[in-house]
Amino acid sequence: MTGRRRWSTEEILDTAAELLRTSDAESFSVRKLAAALGTDSSSLYRHFRNKTELLRAVADRILLAAMDGYRPEGDWKQRITGLALRLRESFGEQPQLAAVWGRYASSGTGSRLVMEELLQALRASGLPDEEVPTRYHRIVILLAALIASEAGVSTISPKEYEQGMELFRVAVLGADPERFPALSHFARDVRPLGADRRAAFEEILAAHLAHIEARIP
């Protein structure tokens, strides 16, 4: 009798990533992954102890991809900005996984590479060592929030996007000027959430880095 095929860890992660392209972490399950591989859940638990550990491993592969070929350039702010844009681009190619990273984080090699570069850049800024961990934590929270938010917008269908734009126009341009005077005043200039995402990403990050710079002795 021919034995059931043994799947490698990389093959399992490849299939998990594909499933997560069309679903979210909530609906993803080890059972669904096993079905896609044509095996049973117990065989996957030889590689990963639970769903959370599996999702963390999938997210870590995105971080590894972002760090592939990375070389730090410029001063500490340029290094952090360059790294942030690489993370944004990598998760932009697999937006469903951005929420996985924001929620489950990662503890693999990719995560350690990102942590190392951020910590080195912050230390190079001249911040006292005792402030570096806190500033690192704030930057990671900011990046995870911005990347997950942007990824959420990019996963909607063109039809859903158009419906959302129409609702936005109705809500803004049709606002009662007596009840919403400021909204009515700026109505023609207010941009929807999905507009100029890269510019907003860079501007918000730059403002945060300027705040850190102001604390350097």
Protein backbone atom coordinates (compact mmCIF):
# COMPACT_ATOMS: atom_id res chain seq x y z
CA MET A 1 0.00 0.00 0.00
CA THR A 2 1.30 3.44 -0.91
CA GLY A 3 1.71 5.68 2.14
CA ARG A 4 0.20 9.13 2.35
CA ARG A 5 2.52 11.84 1.05
CA ARG A 6 4.61 13.71 3.61
CA TRP A 7 4.45 17.45 3.07
CA SER A 8 7.46 19.62 3.87
CA THR A 9 7.17 22.68 6.10
CA GLU A 10 7.73 24.97 3.11
CA GLU A 11 5.00 23.25 1.08
CA ILE A 12 2.59 23.61 3.99
CA LEU A 13 3.42 27.32 4.31
CA ASP A 14 3.04 27.83 0.55
CA THR A 15 -0.45 26.34 0.63
CA ALA A 16 -1.39 28.29 3.77
CA ALA A 17 -0.31 31.53 2.12
CA GLU A 18 -2.45 30.74 -0.92
CA LEU A 19 -5.49 30.09 1.26
CA LEU A 20 -4.92 33.34 3.11
CA ARG A 21 -4.88 35.27 -0.16
CA THR A 22 -8.62 34.67 -0.48
CA SER A 23 -9.66 34.49 3.17
CA ASP A 24 -8.76 36.03 6.51
CA ALA A 25 -7.18 34.67 9.65
CA GLU A 26 -10.57 34.20 11.29
CA SER A 27 -11.93 31.83 8.66
CA PHE A 28 -8.60 30.07 8.11
CA SER A 29 -8.22 26.74 9.90
CA VAL A 30 -5.78 23.86 10.07
CA ARG A 31 -8.62 21.59 8.92
CA LYS A 32 -9.10 23.65 5.72
CA LEU A 33 -5.37 23.64 5.12
CA ALA A 34 -5.22 19.88 5.55
CA ALA A 35 -8.09 19.44 3.10
CA ALA A 36 -6.29 21.60 0.52
CA LEU A 37 -3.21 19.41 0.90
CA GLY A 38 -5.20 16.20 0.78
CA THR A 39 -4.13 15.08 4.21
CA ASP A 40 -5.43 15.11 7.78
CA SER A 41 -4.88 17.75 10.45
CA SER A 42 -2.80 15.48 12.65
CA SER A 43 -0.05 15.35 10.04
CA LEU A 44 0.24 19.14 10.09
CA TYR A 45 0.56 19.25 13.86
CA ARG A 46 3.90 17.50 13.46
CA HIS A 47 5.13 20.78 11.94
CA PHE A 48 3.12 23.35 13.90
CA ARG A 49 1.61 22.99 17.35
CA ASN A 50 -1.47 25.11 16.59
CA LYS A 51 -3.08 27.56 14.18
CA THR A 52 -1.43 30.60 15.76
CA GLU A 53 2.05 29.15 15.37
CA LEU A 54 1.29 28.38 11.73
CA LEU A 55 0.00 31.91 11.03
CA ARG A 56 3.07 33.42 12.65
CA ALA A 57 5.27 31.32 10.39
CA VAL A 58 3.35 32.48 7.29
CA ALA A 59 3.70 36.12 8.33
CA ASP A 60 7.40 35.63 8.97
CA ARG A 61 7.92 34.59 5.37
CA ILE A 62 6.68 38.03 4.28
CA LEU A 63 9.23 39.65 6.57
CA LEU A 64 11.94 37.40 5.14
CA ALA A 65 10.95 38.43 1.62
CA ALA A 66 11.10 42.10 2.62
CA MET A 67 14.60 41.67 4.06
CA ASP A 68 15.91 39.68 1.09
CA GLY A 69 18.70 41.74 -0.45
CA TYR A 70 18.22 44.58 2.01
CA ARG A 71 21.22 46.82 2.62
CA PRO A 72 20.96 49.74 5.08
CA GLU A 73 21.61 53.10 3.42
CA GLY A 74 21.70 56.67 4.69
CA ASP A 75 21.21 57.99 8.18
CA TRP A 76 19.01 56.37 10.82
CA LYS A 77 15.81 57.98 9.55
CA GLN A 78 16.51 56.93 5.97
CA ARG A 79 17.22 53.38 7.14
CA ILE A 80 13.92 53.13 9.01
CA THR A 81 11.98 54.73 6.15
CA GLY A 82 13.58 52.41 3.60
CA LEU A 83 12.79 49.36 5.72
CA ALA A 84 9.21 50.52 6.30
CA LEU A 85 8.62 50.93 2.58
CA ARG A 86 9.99 47.45 1.91
CA LEU A 87 7.57 46.00 4.47
CA ARG A 88 4.71 47.99 2.93
CA GLU A 89 5.57 46.68 -0.54
CA SER A 90 5.91 43.06 0.58
CA PHE A 91 2.59 43.01 2.39
CA GLY A 92 1.03 44.93 -0.49
CA GLU A 93 1.68 41.88 -2.67
CA GLN A 94 -0.12 39.66 -0.12
CA PRO A 95 -2.51 42.07 1.64
CA GLN A 96 -4.50 39.38 3.45
CA LEU A 97 -1.37 38.53 5.40
CA ALA A 98 -0.90 42.09 6.69
CA ALA A 99 -3.65 41.61 9.26
CA VAL A 100 -2.05 38.30 10.26
CA TRP A 101 1.24 40.08 11.00
CA GLY A 102 -0.50 42.87 12.91
CA ARG A 103 -2.46 40.43 15.03
CA TYR A 104 -0.16 37.47 15.53
CA ALA A 105 3.27 39.08 15.06
CA SER A 106 6.15 36.68 14.38
CA SER A 107 9.07 35.12 16.16
CA GLY A 108 11.01 33.72 13.22
CA THR A 109 14.13 34.78 11.36
CA GLY A 110 12.30 37.44 9.35
CA SER A 111 11.06 39.06 12.53
CA ARG A 112 14.52 39.02 14.07
CA LEU A 113 16.03 40.63 10.96
CA VAL A 114 13.48 43.46 11.08
CA MET A 115 13.98 43.93 14.82
CA GLU A 116 17.75 43.99 14.45
CA GLU A 117 17.71 46.65 11.74
CA LEU A 118 15.21 48.88 13.57
CA LEU A 119 17.14 48.63 16.83
CA GLN A 120 20.46 49.31 15.11
CA ALA A 121 19.04 52.34 13.32
CA LEU A 122 17.54 53.75 16.51
CA ARG A 123 20.80 53.21 18.38
CA ALA A 124 22.64 55.02 15.57
CA SER A 125 20.31 57.99 16.05
CA GLY A 126 21.98 58.89 19.32
CA LEU A 127 19.04 58.02 21.55
CA PRO A 128 20.03 56.83 25.02
CA ASP A 129 19.99 53.03 25.14
CA GLU A 130 17.22 53.04 27.73
CA GLU A 131 14.86 54.78 25.28
CA VAL A 132 15.57 52.58 22.26
CA PRO A 133 13.25 49.64 23.16
CA THR A 134 10.27 51.93 23.75
CA ARG A 135 10.82 53.84 20.52
CA TYR A 136 11.21 50.54 18.65
CA HIS A 137 7.88 49.34 20.04
CA ARG A 138 6.09 52.53 18.98
CA ILE A 139 7.47 52.29 15.43
CA VAL A 140 6.39 48.66 15.03
CA ILE A 141 2.87 49.45 16.26
CA LEU A 142 2.66 52.37 13.82
CA LEU A 143 3.91 50.32 10.86
CA ALA A 144 1.64 47.36 11.62
CA ALA A 145 -1.39 49.65 11.88
CA LEU A 146 -0.62 51.57 8.68
CA ILE A 147 0.20 48.46 6.65
CA ALA A 148 -2.84 46.51 7.87
CA SER A 149 -5.14 49.48 7.21
CA GLU A 150 -3.82 49.93 3.70
CA ALA A 151 -4.01 46.22 2.98
CA GLY A 152 -7.65 46.16 4.09
CA VAL A 153 -8.51 48.77 1.47
CA SER A 154 -6.62 46.93 -1.27
CA THR A 155 -8.51 43.66 -0.77
CA ILE A 156 -11.94 45.01 -1.72
CA SER A 157 -13.27 44.37 -5.22
CA PRO A 158 -13.60 47.14 -7.84
CA LYS A 159 -17.38 47.01 -7.44
CA GLU A 160 -17.13 47.37 -3.67
CA TYR A 161 -14.68 50.24 -4.14
CA GLU A 162 -17.06 52.11 -6.45
CA GLN A 163 -19.94 51.57 -4.05
CA GLY A 164 -17.81 52.91 -1.23
CA MET A 165 -16.81 55.96 -3.27
CA GLU A 166 -20.43 56.72 -4.05
CA LEU A 167 -21.37 56.46 -0.39
CA PHE A 168 -18.43 58.73 0.47
CA ARG A 169 -19.56 61.36 -2.03
CA VAL A 170 -23.11 61.25 -0.70
CA ALA A 171 -21.94 61.49 2.91
CA VAL A 172 -19.55 64.38 2.25
CA LEU A 173 -21.12 66.46 -0.51
CA GLY A 174 -24.61 65.93 0.84
CA ALA A 175 -23.79 66.93 4.43
CA ASP A 176 -26.19 69.40 6.04
CA PRO A 177 -24.17 72.64 6.43
CA GLU A 178 -26.04 73.60 9.58
CA ARG A 179 -25.28 70.35 11.36
CA PHE A 180 -21.86 69.72 9.76
CA PRO A 181 -20.48 73.21 8.98
CA ALA A 182 -16.80 72.18 8.84
CA LEU A 183 -17.51 69.13 6.69
CA SER A 184 -19.57 71.23 4.29
CA HIS A 185 -16.83 73.85 4.10
CA PHE A 186 -14.10 71.31 3.22
CA ALA A 187 -16.31 68.85 1.33
CA ARG A 188 -14.72 69.30 -2.10
CA ASP A 189 -11.20 68.90 -0.74
CA VAL A 190 -11.65 66.00 1.70
CA ARG A 191 -10.14 62.82 0.26
CA PRO A 192 -11.46 59.28 0.79
CA LEU A 193 -9.51 56.84 2.93
CA GLY A 194 -8.04 55.04 -0.07
CA ALA A 195 -6.49 58.13 -1.68
CA ASP A 196 -2.74 58.88 -1.66
CA ARG A 197 -1.94 55.97 0.63
CA ARG A 198 1.82 55.98 -0.01
CA ALA A 199 2.11 59.74 0.55
CA ALA A 200 0.13 59.46 3.78
CA PHE A 201 2.26 56.49 4.89
CA GLU A 202 5.50 58.40 4.34
CA GLU A 203 4.22 61.61 5.92
CA ILE A 204 2.94 59.91 9.07
CA LEU A 205 6.17 57.94 9.45
CA ALA A 206 8.28 61.06 8.87
CA ALA A 207 6.34 62.94 11.56
CA HIS A 208 6.91 60.09 14.01
CA LEU A 209 10.64 59.98 13.25
CA ALA A 210 10.84 63.77 13.69
CA HIS A 211 9.24 63.31 17.11
CA ILE A 212 11.94 60.77 18.01
CA GLU A 213 14.66 63.08 16.68
CA ALA A 214 13.46 65.86 18.96
CA ARG A 215 14.20 63.61 21.96
CA ILE A 216 17.82 62.98 21.01
CA PRO A 217 20.19 64.76 23.40
